[in-house]
PDB file of N, CA and C in Angstrom:
ATOM      1  N   MET A   1      17.655  50.930 -10.715  1.00  0.00           N
ATOM      2  CA  MET A   1      17.823  49.675 -10.282  1.00  0.00           C
ATOM      3  C   MET A   1      18.178  49.297  -8.872  1.00  0.00           C
ATOM      4  N   PRO A   2      18.974  50.447  -8.445  1.00  0.00           N
ATOM      5  CA  PRO A   2      19.426  50.163  -7.067  1.00  0.00           C
ATOM      6  C   PRO A   2      18.278  49.926  -6.147  1.00  0.00           C
ATOM      7  N   LEU A   3      16.855  50.508  -6.428  1.00  0.00           N
ATOM      8  CA  LEU A   3      15.945  50.493  -5.589  1.00  0.00           C
ATOM      9  C   LEU A   3      15.401  48.972  -5.852  1.00  0.00           C
ATOM     10  N   HIS A   4      15.466  48.512  -6.931  1.00  0.00           N
ATOM     11  CA  HIS A   4      14.982  47.106  -7.036  1.00  0.00           C
ATOM     12  C   HIS A   4      15.884  46.119  -6.422  1.00  0.00           C
ATOM     13  N   ASN A   5      17.154  46.167  -6.437  1.00  0.00           N
ATOM     14  CA  ASN A   5      17.952  45.411  -5.593  1.00  0.00           C
ATOM     15  C   ASN A   5      17.862  45.319  -4.184  1.00  0.00           C
ATOM     16  N   ALA A   6      17.651  46.737  -3.352  1.00  0.00           N
ATOM     17  CA  ALA A   6      17.113  46.882  -2.335  1.00  0.00           C
ATOM     18  C   ALA A   6      15.672  46.074  -1.812  1.00  0.00           C
ATOM     19  N   ILE A   7      14.911  46.461  -2.563  1.00  0.00           N
ATOM     20  CA  ILE A   7      13.573  45.500  -2.373  1.00  0.00           C
ATOM     21  C   ILE A   7      13.718  44.107  -2.546  1.00  0.00           C
ATOM     22  N   LEU A   8      14.576  43.840  -3.214  1.00  0.00           N
ATOM     23  CA  LEU A   8      14.775  42.451  -3.388  1.00  0.00           C
ATOM     24  C   LEU A   8      15.574  41.410  -2.176  1.00  0.00           C
ATOM     25  N   ARG A   9      16.711  42.329  -1.934  1.00  0.00           N
ATOM     26  CA  ARG A   9      17.458  41.860  -0.740  1.00  0.00           C
ATOM     27  C   ARG A   9      16.254  42.047   0.516  1.00  0.00           C
ATOM     28  N   TYR A  10      15.425  42.781   0.631  1.00  0.00           N
ATOM     29  CA  TYR A  10      14.621  43.012   1.883  1.00  0.00           C
ATOM     30  C   TYR A  10      13.678  41.912   1.819  1.00  0.00           C
ATOM     31  N   SER A  11      13.028  41.474   0.656  1.00  0.00           N
ATOM     32  CA  SER A  11      12.155  40.553   0.606  1.00  0.00           C
ATOM     33  C   SER A  11      12.964  39.291   0.876  1.00  0.00           C
ATOM     34  N   GLN A  12      14.224  39.013   0.427  1.00  0.00           N
ATOM     35  CA  GLN A  12      14.677  37.916   0.784  1.00  0.00           C
ATOM     36  C   GLN A  12      15.035  37.843   2.340  1.00  0.00           C
ATOM     37  N   GLN A  13      15.453  38.932   3.025  1.00  0.00           N
ATOM     38  CA  GLN A  13      15.694  38.720   4.275  1.00  0.00           C
ATOM     39  C   GLN A  13      14.431  38.516   5.055  1.00  0.00           C
ATOM     40  N   ARG A  14      13.244  39.041   4.898  1.00  0.00           N
ATOM     41  CA  ARG A  14      11.907  38.710   5.338  1.00  0.00           C
ATOM     42  C   ARG A  14      11.704  37.257   5.280  1.00  0.00           C
ATOM     43  N   THR A  15      11.849  36.727   4.190  1.00  0.00           N
ATOM     44  CA  THR A  15      11.798  35.174   3.640  1.00  0.00           C
ATOM     45  C   THR A  15      12.760  34.423   4.518  1.00  0.00           C
ATOM     46  N   ARG A  16      13.761  34.729   4.399  1.00  0.00           N
ATOM     47  CA  ARG A  16      14.859  33.796   5.383  1.00  0.00           C
ATOM     48  C   ARG A  16      14.256  33.837   6.759  1.00  0.00           C
ATOM     49  N   HIS A  17      14.134  35.199   7.453  1.00  0.00           N
ATOM     50  CA  HIS A  17      13.786  35.109   8.811  1.00  0.00           C
ATOM     51  C   HIS A  17      12.288  34.517   9.053  1.00  0.00           C
ATOM     52  N   HIS A  18      11.708  34.426   8.075  1.00  0.00           N
ATOM     53  CA  HIS A  18      10.204  33.634   8.004  1.00  0.00           C
ATOM     54  C   HIS A  18      10.440  32.419   8.175  1.00  0.00           C
ATOM     55  N   MET A  19      11.406  32.061   7.369  1.00  0.00           N
ATOM     56  CA  MET A  19      11.473  30.445   7.288  1.00  0.00           C
ATOM     57  C   MET A  19      12.167  29.770   8.217  1.00  0.00           C
ATOM     58  N   THR A  20      13.161  30.290   8.829  1.00  0.00           N
ATOM     59  CA  THR A  20      14.070  30.001   9.853  1.00  0.00           C
ATOM     60  C   THR A  20      13.599  29.946  11.360  1.00  0.00           C
ATOM     61  N   SER A  21      13.103  31.171  11.229  1.00  0.00           N
ATOM     62  CA  SER A  21      12.596  31.643  12.892  1.00  0.00           C
ATOM     63  C   SER A  21      11.161  31.012  13.402  1.00  0.00           C
ATOM     64  N   SER A  22      10.437  30.606  12.289  1.00  0.00           N
ATOM     65  CA  SER A  22       9.230  30.374  12.675  1.00  0.00           C
ATOM     66  C   SER A  22       9.087  28.902  12.969  1.00  0.00           C
ATOM     67  N   SER A  23       8.070  28.646  13.762  1.00  0.00           N
ATOM     68  CA  SER A  23       7.860  27.268  14.014  1.00  0.00           C
ATOM     69  C   SER A  23       6.793  26.408  13.773  1.00  0.00           C
ATOM     70  N   SER A  24       6.430  27.125  12.687  1.00  0.00           N
ATOM     71  CA  SER A  24       5.164  26.734  11.989  1.00  0.00           C
ATOM     72  C   SER A  24       5.526  25.254  11.366  1.00  0.00           C
ATOM     73  N   ALA A  25       4.566  24.211  10.963  1.00  0.00           N
ATOM     74  CA  ALA A  25       4.303  23.035  10.571  1.00  0.00           C
ATOM     75  C   ALA A  25       4.989  22.899   9.149  1.00  0.00           C
ATOM     76  N   PRO A  26       4.989  23.785   8.025  1.00  0.00           N
ATOM     77  CA  PRO A  26       5.419  23.714   6.954  1.00  0.00           C
ATOM     78  C   PRO A  26       6.986  23.333   6.819  1.00  0.00           C
ATOM     79  N   ILE A  27       7.666  23.783   7.974  1.00  0.00           N
ATOM     80  CA  ILE A  27       9.362  23.443   7.749  1.00  0.00           C
ATOM     81  C   ILE A  27       9.781  22.453   8.696  1.00  0.00           C
ATOM     82  N   ARG A  28       8.942  22.045   9.505  1.00  0.00           N
ATOM     83  CA  ARG A  28       9.417  21.012  10.426  1.00  0.00           C
ATOM     84  C   ARG A  28       9.460  19.774   9.772  1.00  0.00           C
ATOM     85  N   GLY A  29      11.006  19.129   9.922  1.00  0.00           N
ATOM     86  CA  GLY A  29      11.378  18.194   9.393  1.00  0.00           C
ATOM     87  C   GLY A  29      11.427  18.251   7.758  1.00  0.00           C
ATOM     88  N   ALA A  30      11.896  19.620   7.247  1.00  0.00           N
ATOM     89  CA  ALA A  30      12.342  19.817   5.908  1.00  0.00           C
ATOM     90  C   ALA A  30      13.654  19.999   5.970  1.00  0.00           C
ATOM     91  N   VAL A  31      14.425  20.063   4.665  1.00  0.00           N
ATOM     92  CA  VAL A  31      15.681  20.555   4.296  1.00  0.00           C
ATOM     93  C   VAL A  31      15.566  21.843   3.578  1.00  0.00           C
ATOM     94  N   VAL A  32      16.054  22.874   4.302  1.00  0.00           N
ATOM     95  CA  VAL A  32      15.616  24.490   3.553  1.00  0.00           C
ATOM     96  C   VAL A  32      17.389  24.368   2.900  1.00  0.00           C
ATOM     97  N   THR A  33      17.165  24.714   1.486  1.00  0.00           N
ATOM     98  CA  THR A  33      18.503  24.878   0.632  1.00  0.00           C
ATOM     99  C   THR A  33      18.296  26.415   0.191  1.00  0.00           C
ATOM    100  N   THR A  34      19.195  26.976  -0.179  1.00  0.00           N
ATOM    101  CA  THR A  34      19.288  28.365  -1.132  1.00  0.00           C
ATOM    102  C   THR A  34      19.534  27.909  -2.487  1.00  0.00           C
ATOM    103  N   GLU A  35      18.553  28.626  -3.448  1.00  0.00           N
ATOM    104  CA  GLU A  35      18.869  28.041  -4.985  1.00  0.00           C
ATOM    105  C   GLU A  35      19.663  29.263  -5.475  1.00  0.00           C
ATOM    106  N   ASP A  36      19.571  29.359  -6.784  1.00  0.00           N
ATOM    107  CA  ASP A  36      20.066  30.670  -7.516  1.00  0.00           C
ATOM    108  C   ASP A  36      19.164  31.683  -7.056  1.00  0.00           C
ATOM    109  N   GLY A  37      19.671  32.900  -7.158  1.00  0.00           N
ATOM    110  CA  GLY A  37      19.168  33.978  -6.871  1.00  0.00           C
ATOM    111  C   GLY A  37      18.879  34.331  -5.596  1.00  0.00           C
ATOM    112  N   GLY A  38      19.307  33.361  -4.461  1.00  0.00           N
ATOM    113  CA  GLY A  38      18.835  33.561  -3.232  1.00  0.00           C
ATOM    114  C   GLY A  38      17.365  33.018  -2.715  1.00  0.00           C
ATOM    115  N   ARG A  39      16.923  32.589  -3.688  1.00  0.00           N
ATOM    116  CA  ARG A  39      15.517  31.883  -3.166  1.00  0.00           C
ATOM    117  C   ARG A  39      15.783  30.726  -2.123  1.00  0.00           C
ATOM    118  N   LEU A  40      14.796  30.387  -1.375  1.00  0.00           N
ATOM    119  CA  LEU A  40      14.961  29.344  -0.286  1.00  0.00           C
ATOM    120  C   LEU A  40      13.902  28.256  -0.792  1.00  0.00           C
ATOM    121  N   ASN A  41      14.344  27.175  -0.784  1.00  0.00           N
ATOM    122  CA  ASN A  41      13.479  26.130  -1.244  1.00  0.00           C
ATOM    123  C   ASN A  41      13.421  24.925  -0.107  1.00  0.00           C
ATOM    124  N   ALA A  42      12.477  24.705   0.409  1.00  0.00           N
ATOM    125  CA  ALA A  42      12.176  23.615   1.512  1.00  0.00           C
ATOM    126  C   ALA A  42      11.896  22.021   0.840  1.00  0.00           C
ATOM    127  N   PHE A  43      12.758  20.937   1.160  1.00  0.00           N
ATOM    128  CA  PHE A  43      12.512  19.747   0.645  1.00  0.00           C
ATOM    129  C   PHE A  43      12.015  19.177   1.814  1.00  0.00           C
ATOM    130  N   ALA A  44      10.926  18.290   1.606  1.00  0.00           N
ATOM    131  CA  ALA A  44      10.409  17.519   2.742  1.00  0.00           C
ATOM    132  C   ALA A  44      11.528  16.180   2.824  1.00  0.00           C
ATOM    133  N   SER A  45      11.743  15.780   4.109  1.00  0.00           N
ATOM    134  CA  SER A  45      12.442  14.551   4.509  1.00  0.00           C
ATOM    135  C   SER A  45      11.590  13.619   4.469  1.00  0.00           C
ATOM    136  N   GLU A  46      11.953  12.394   3.752  1.00  0.00           N
ATOM    137  CA  GLU A  46      10.931  11.321   3.797  1.00  0.00           C
ATOM    138  C   GLU A  46      11.461  10.387   5.048  1.00  0.00           C
ATOM    139  N   PRO A  47      10.447   9.906   5.723  1.00  0.00           N
ATOM    140  CA  PRO A  47      10.572   8.870   6.669  1.00  0.00           C
ATOM    141  C   PRO A  47      11.105   7.613   6.072  1.00  0.00           C
ATOM    142  N   ARG A  48      12.047   6.832   6.872  1.00  0.00           N
ATOM    143  CA  ARG A  48      12.337   5.578   6.817  1.00  0.00           C
ATOM    144  C   ARG A  48      11.526   4.663   6.788  1.00  0.00           C
ATOM    145  N   MET A  49      11.452   4.112   5.605  1.00  0.00           N
ATOM    146  CA  MET A  49      10.275   2.613   5.305  1.00  0.00           C
ATOM    147  C   MET A  49      10.597   1.603   6.230  1.00  0.00           C
ATOM    148  N   GLN A  50       9.449   1.185   6.726  1.00  0.00           N
ATOM    149  CA  GLN A  50       9.655  -0.111   7.723  1.00  0.00           C
ATOM    150  C   GLN A  50       8.628  -1.028   7.263  1.00  0.00           C
ATOM    151  N   VAL A  51       8.853  -2.423   7.503  1.00  0.00           N
ATOM    152  CA  VAL A  51       8.100  -3.699   7.012  1.00  0.00           C
ATOM    153  C   VAL A  51       7.329  -3.929   8.278  1.00  0.00           C
ATOM    154  N   VAL A  52       6.204  -3.806   7.955  1.00  0.00           N
ATOM    155  CA  VAL A  52       5.027  -4.012   8.949  1.00  0.00           C
ATOM    156  C   VAL A  52       4.414  -5.435   8.683  1.00  0.00           C
ATOM    157  N   GLU A  53       4.429  -6.232   9.727  1.00  0.00           N
ATOM    158  CA  GLU A  53       3.400  -7.582   9.746  1.00  0.00           C
ATOM    159  C   GLU A  53       1.785  -7.213   9.660  1.00  0.00           C
ATOM    160  N   PRO A  54       1.439  -8.268   8.719  1.00  0.00           N
ATOM    161  CA  PRO A  54      -0.184  -7.942   8.613  1.00  0.00           C
ATOM    162  C   PRO A  54      -0.672  -8.332   9.784  1.00  0.00           C
ATOM    163  N   GLU A  55      -1.946  -7.449   9.983  1.00  0.00           N
ATOM    164  CA  GLU A  55      -2.788  -7.736  11.352  1.00  0.00           C
ATOM    165  C   GLU A  55      -3.573  -9.109  10.674  1.00  0.00           C
ATOM    166  N   ASN A  56      -4.251  -9.643  11.865  1.00  0.00           N
ATOM    167  CA  ASN A  56      -4.868 -10.759  11.672  1.00  0.00           C
ATOM    168  C   ASN A  56      -6.263 -10.192  11.355  1.00  0.00           C
ATOM    169  N   GLY A  57      -6.521 -10.676  10.155  1.00  0.00           N
ATOM    170  CA  GLY A  57      -8.083 -10.101   9.540  1.00  0.00           C
ATOM    171  C   GLY A  57      -8.306 -10.995   8.310  1.00  0.00           C
ATOM    172  N   TRP A  58      -8.625 -10.163   7.365  1.00  0.00           N
ATOM    173  CA  TRP A  58      -8.662 -10.958   6.029  1.00  0.00           C
ATOM    174  C   TRP A  58      -7.346 -11.364   5.339  1.00  0.00           C
ATOM    175  N   GLY A  59      -7.364 -12.390   4.731  1.00  0.00           N
ATOM    176  CA  GLY A  59      -6.024 -13.171   4.156  1.00  0.00           C
ATOM    177  C   GLY A  59      -5.824 -14.369   4.298  1.00  0.00           C
ATOM    178  N   PHE A  60      -4.745 -14.908   4.108  1.00  0.00           N
ATOM    179  CA  PHE A  60      -4.544 -16.189   4.240  1.00  0.00           C
ATOM    180  C   PHE A  60      -4.494 -16.679   5.778  1.00  0.00           C
ATOM    181  N   HIS A  61      -4.936 -17.794   6.051  1.00  0.00           N
ATOM    182  CA  HIS A  61      -5.072 -18.304   7.290  1.00  0.00           C
ATOM    183  C   HIS A  61      -4.968 -19.594   7.267  1.00  0.00           C
ATOM    184  N   GLU A  62      -3.637 -20.213   7.783  1.00  0.00           N
ATOM    185  CA  GLU A  62      -3.203 -21.616   7.606  1.00  0.00           C
ATOM    186  C   GLU A  62      -4.334 -22.536   7.964  1.00  0.00           C
ATOM    187  N   ARG A  63      -4.868 -22.479   9.211  1.00  0.00           N
ATOM    188  CA  ARG A  63      -6.012 -23.488   9.731  1.00  0.00           C
ATOM    189  C   ARG A  63      -6.909 -23.700   8.461  1.00  0.00           C
ATOM    190  N   ALA A  64      -7.736 -22.459   8.263  1.00  0.00           N
ATOM    191  CA  ALA A  64      -8.658 -22.379   7.534  1.00  0.00           C
ATOM    192  C   ALA A  64      -8.205 -22.995   5.973  1.00  0.00           C
ATOM    193  N   GLU A  65      -7.426 -22.630   5.603  1.00  0.00           N
ATOM    194  CA  GLU A  65      -6.654 -23.314   4.110  1.00  0.00           C
ATOM    195  C   GLU A  65      -6.478 -24.728   4.494  1.00  0.00           C
ATOM    196  N   LYS A  66      -6.291 -25.185   5.350  1.00  0.00           N
ATOM    197  CA  LYS A  66      -5.891 -26.833   5.345  1.00  0.00           C
ATOM    198  C   LYS A  66      -7.360 -27.276   5.543  1.00  0.00           C
ATOM    199  N   LEU A  67      -8.302 -26.923   6.217  1.00  0.00           N
ATOM    200  CA  LEU A  67      -9.700 -27.171   6.506  1.00  0.00           C
ATOM    201  C   LEU A  67     -10.424 -27.189   5.107  1.00  0.00           C
ATOM    202  N   ASN A  68     -10.341 -26.156   4.241  1.00  0.00           N
ATOM    203  CA  ASN A  68     -10.605 -25.954   3.038  1.00  0.00           C
ATOM    204  C   ASN A  68     -10.015 -27.210   2.128  1.00  0.00           C
ATOM    205  N   GLY A  69      -8.895 -27.480   1.859  1.00  0.00           N
ATOM    206  CA  GLY A  69      -8.219 -28.302   0.957  1.00  0.00           C
ATOM    207  C   GLY A  69      -8.740 -29.749   1.595  1.00  0.00           C
ATOM    208  N   ARG A  70      -8.952 -30.093   2.902  1.00  0.00           N
ATOM    209  CA  ARG A  70      -9.248 -31.610   3.361  1.00  0.00           C
ATOM    210  C   ARG A  70     -10.592 -31.633   3.070  1.00  0.00           C
ATOM    211  N   MET A  71     -11.415 -30.710   2.983  1.00  0.00           N
ATOM    212  CA  MET A  71     -13.025 -30.705   2.706  1.00  0.00           C
ATOM    213  C   MET A  71     -13.107 -30.912   1.144  1.00  0.00           C
ATOM    214  N   ALA A  72     -12.223 -30.396   0.355  1.00  0.00           N
ATOM    215  CA  ALA A  72     -12.367 -30.391  -1.252  1.00  0.00           C
ATOM    216  C   ALA A  72     -11.746 -32.022  -1.444  1.00  0.00           C
ATOM    217  N   MET A  73     -10.848 -32.525  -0.947  1.00  0.00           N
ATOM    218  CA  MET A  73     -10.491 -33.792  -1.003  1.00  0.00           C
ATOM    219  C   MET A  73     -11.448 -34.821  -0.699  1.00  0.00           C
ATOM    220  N   LEU A  74     -12.088 -34.556   0.306  1.00  0.00           N
ATOM    221  CA  LEU A  74     -13.450 -35.252   0.663  1.00  0.00           C
ATOM    222  C   LEU A  74     -14.335 -35.391  -0.102  1.00  0.00           C
ATOM    223  N   GLY A  75     -14.394 -34.221  -0.621  1.00  0.00           N
ATOM    224  CA  GLY A  75     -15.943 -33.982  -1.767  1.00  0.00           C
ATOM    225  C   GLY A  75     -15.369 -34.771  -2.964  1.00  0.00           C
ATOM    226  N   PHE A  76     -14.208 -34.998  -3.392  1.00  0.00           N
ATOM    227  CA  PHE A  76     -13.589 -35.428  -4.377  1.00  0.00           C
ATOM    228  C   PHE A  76     -13.596 -36.940  -4.348  1.00  0.00           C
ATOM    229  N   ILE A  77     -13.177 -37.611  -3.211  1.00  0.00           N
ATOM    230  CA  ILE A  77     -13.275 -38.932  -2.905  1.00  0.00           C
ATOM    231  C   ILE A  77     -14.815 -39.394  -2.950  1.00  0.00           C
ATOM    232  N   ALA A  78     -15.818 -38.598  -2.266  1.00  0.00           N
ATOM    233  CA  ALA A  78     -17.299 -39.027  -2.254  1.00  0.00           C
ATOM    234  C   ALA A  78     -17.558 -39.022  -3.736  1.00  0.00           C
ATOM    235  N   LEU A  79     -17.186 -38.173  -4.562  1.00  0.00           N
ATOM    236  CA  LEU A  79     -17.731 -38.184  -6.135  1.00  0.00           C
ATOM    237  C   LEU A  79     -17.054 -39.387  -6.670  1.00  0.00           C
ATOM    238  N   LEU A  80     -15.893 -39.827  -6.475  1.00  0.00           N
ATOM    239  CA  LEU A  80     -15.245 -41.184  -7.175  1.00  0.00           C
ATOM    240  C   LEU A  80     -15.864 -42.218  -6.698  1.00  0.00           C
ATOM    241  N   ALA A  81     -16.378 -42.422  -5.279  1.00  0.00           N
ATOM    242  CA  ALA A  81     -16.921 -43.446  -4.634  1.00  0.00           C
ATOM    243  C   ALA A  81     -18.345 -43.555  -5.166  1.00  0.00           C
ATOM    244  N   THR A  82     -19.072 -42.659  -5.359  1.00  0.00           N
ATOM    245  CA  THR A  82     -20.496 -42.536  -6.053  1.00  0.00           C
ATOM    246  C   THR A  82     -20.478 -42.923  -7.682  1.00  0.00           C
ATOM    247  N   GLU A  83     -19.486 -42.407  -8.387  1.00  0.00           N
ATOM    248  CA  GLU A  83     -19.275 -42.947  -9.763  1.00  0.00           C
ATOM    249  C   GLU A  83     -19.019 -44.481  -9.748  1.00  0.00           C
ATOM    250  N   PHE A  84     -18.043 -44.822  -8.933  1.00  0.00           N
ATOM    251  CA  PHE A  84     -17.559 -46.318  -8.813  1.00  0.00           C
ATOM    252  C   PHE A  84     -19.011 -47.194  -8.266  1.00  0.00           C
ATOM    253  N   ALA A  85     -19.658 -46.685  -7.318  1.00  0.00           N
ATOM    254  CA  ALA A  85     -20.949 -47.546  -6.960  1.00  0.00           C
ATOM    255  C   ALA A  85     -21.836 -47.512  -8.030  1.00  0.00           C
ATOM    256  N   MET A  86     -22.249 -46.510  -8.688  1.00  0.00           N
ATOM    257  CA  MET A  86     -23.130 -46.571  -9.837  1.00  0.00           C
ATOM    258  C   MET A  86     -22.801 -46.748 -11.118  1.00  0.00           C
ATOM    259  N   GLY A  87     -21.730 -46.997 -11.414  1.00  0.00           N
ATOM    260  CA  GLY A  87     -21.030 -47.694 -12.782  1.00  0.00           C
ATOM    261  C   GLY A  87     -20.880 -46.535 -13.666  1.00  0.00           C
ATOM    262  N   GLY A  88     -20.742 -45.327 -13.209  1.00  0.00           N
ATOM    263  CA  GLY A  88     -20.458 -44.127 -13.944  1.00  0.00           C
ATOM    264  C   GLY A  88     -21.568 -43.391 -14.629  1.00  0.00           C
ATOM    265  N   GLU A  89     -22.706 -43.667 -13.761  1.00  0.00           N
ATOM    266  CA  GLU A  89     -23.971 -43.014 -14.263  1.00  0.00           C
ATOM    267  C   GLU A  89     -24.317 -42.027 -13.226  1.00  0.00           C
ATOM    268  N   ALA A  90     -23.822 -41.912 -12.198  1.00  0.00           N
ATOM    269  CA  ALA A  90     -24.461 -40.971 -11.105  1.00  0.00           C
ATOM    270  C   ALA A  90     -24.087 -39.486 -11.842  1.00  0.00           C
ATOM    271  N   PHE A  91     -22.886 -39.294 -12.179  1.00  0.00           N
ATOM    272  CA  PHE A  91     -22.531 -37.909 -12.481  1.00  0.00           C
ATOM    273  C   PHE A  91     -22.985 -37.625 -13.852  1.00  0.00           C
ATOM    274  N   THR A  92     -22.713 -38.696 -14.903  1.00  0.00           N
ATOM    275  CA  THR A  92     -22.949 -38.472 -16.335  1.00  0.00           C
ATOM    276  C   THR A  92     -24.255 -38.277 -16.610  1.00  0.00           C
ATOM    277  N   ARG A  93     -25.162 -39.265 -16.220  1.00  0.00           N
ATOM    278  CA  ARG A  93     -26.534 -39.102 -16.460  1.00  0.00           C
ATOM    279  C   ARG A  93     -27.278 -37.998 -15.621  1.00  0.00           C
ATOM    280  N   GLY A  94     -26.956 -38.622 -14.109  1.00  0.00           N
ATOM    281  CA  GLY A  94     -27.928 -37.792 -13.076  1.00  0.00           C
ATOM    282  C   GLY A  94     -27.752 -36.243 -13.080  1.00  0.00           C
ATOM    283  N   LEU A  95     -26.496 -36.055 -13.059  1.00  0.00           N
ATOM    284  CA  LEU A  95     -26.391 -34.442 -12.947  1.00  0.00           C
ATOM    285  C   LEU A  95     -26.074 -33.575 -14.501  1.00  0.00           C
ATOM    286  N   LEU A  96     -25.457 -34.388 -15.352  1.00  0.00           N
ATOM    287  CA  LEU A  96     -25.366 -33.761 -16.447  1.00  0.00           C
ATOM    288  C   LEU A  96     -26.389 -33.989 -17.638  1.00  0.00           C
ATOM    289  N   GLY A  97     -26.975 -35.212 -17.369  1.00  0.00           N
ATOM    290  CA  GLY A  97     -27.914 -35.466 -18.403  1.00  0.00           C
ATOM    291  C   GLY A  97     -27.592 -36.119 -19.847  1.00  0.00           C
ATOM    292  N   ILE A  98     -26.211 -36.530 -19.540  1.00  0.00           N
ATOM    293  CA  ILE A  98     -25.837 -36.889 -20.816  1.00  0.00           C
ATOM    294  C   ILE A  98     -25.363 -38.306 -20.800  1.00  0.00           C
ATOM    295  N   GLY A  99     -25.050 -39.243 -21.897  1.00  0.00           N
ATOM    296  CA  GLY A  99     -24.651 -40.440 -21.972  1.00  0.00           C
ATOM    297  C   GLY A  99     -25.321 -41.479 -22.428  1.00  0.00           C
TER     298      GLY A  99
END
C-alpha cells in the first residue's frame, strides 16, 4: 500500500502543478476546488447577464405598424361605403355569390 499512496500523492502533485501553473485556456476564468480524496475540480465562472436592446431589423417598427393599421381602417371604410352604395349587394352577391 505505501507504493500506491506514493504514486497517488505524486499524481496529485503533478495534477495540482499542471492546473495552477499552466496558463492554458481550460482554467482561465474558472474556480478550482479540492474535492474528497484530493481531486481538483474546476468550475466555470459564468459571466453576468446583461439586458441588450434589440438592433433595428426584423420585428416591431412603430411607423410601419401605424401605417398598416391606417391602411386597414381605410380598406374597411371603403368596403362599408361600397356596401352602402350598392344596397348590400356588392359584397354578398358580387364576391361571395350568395343572397
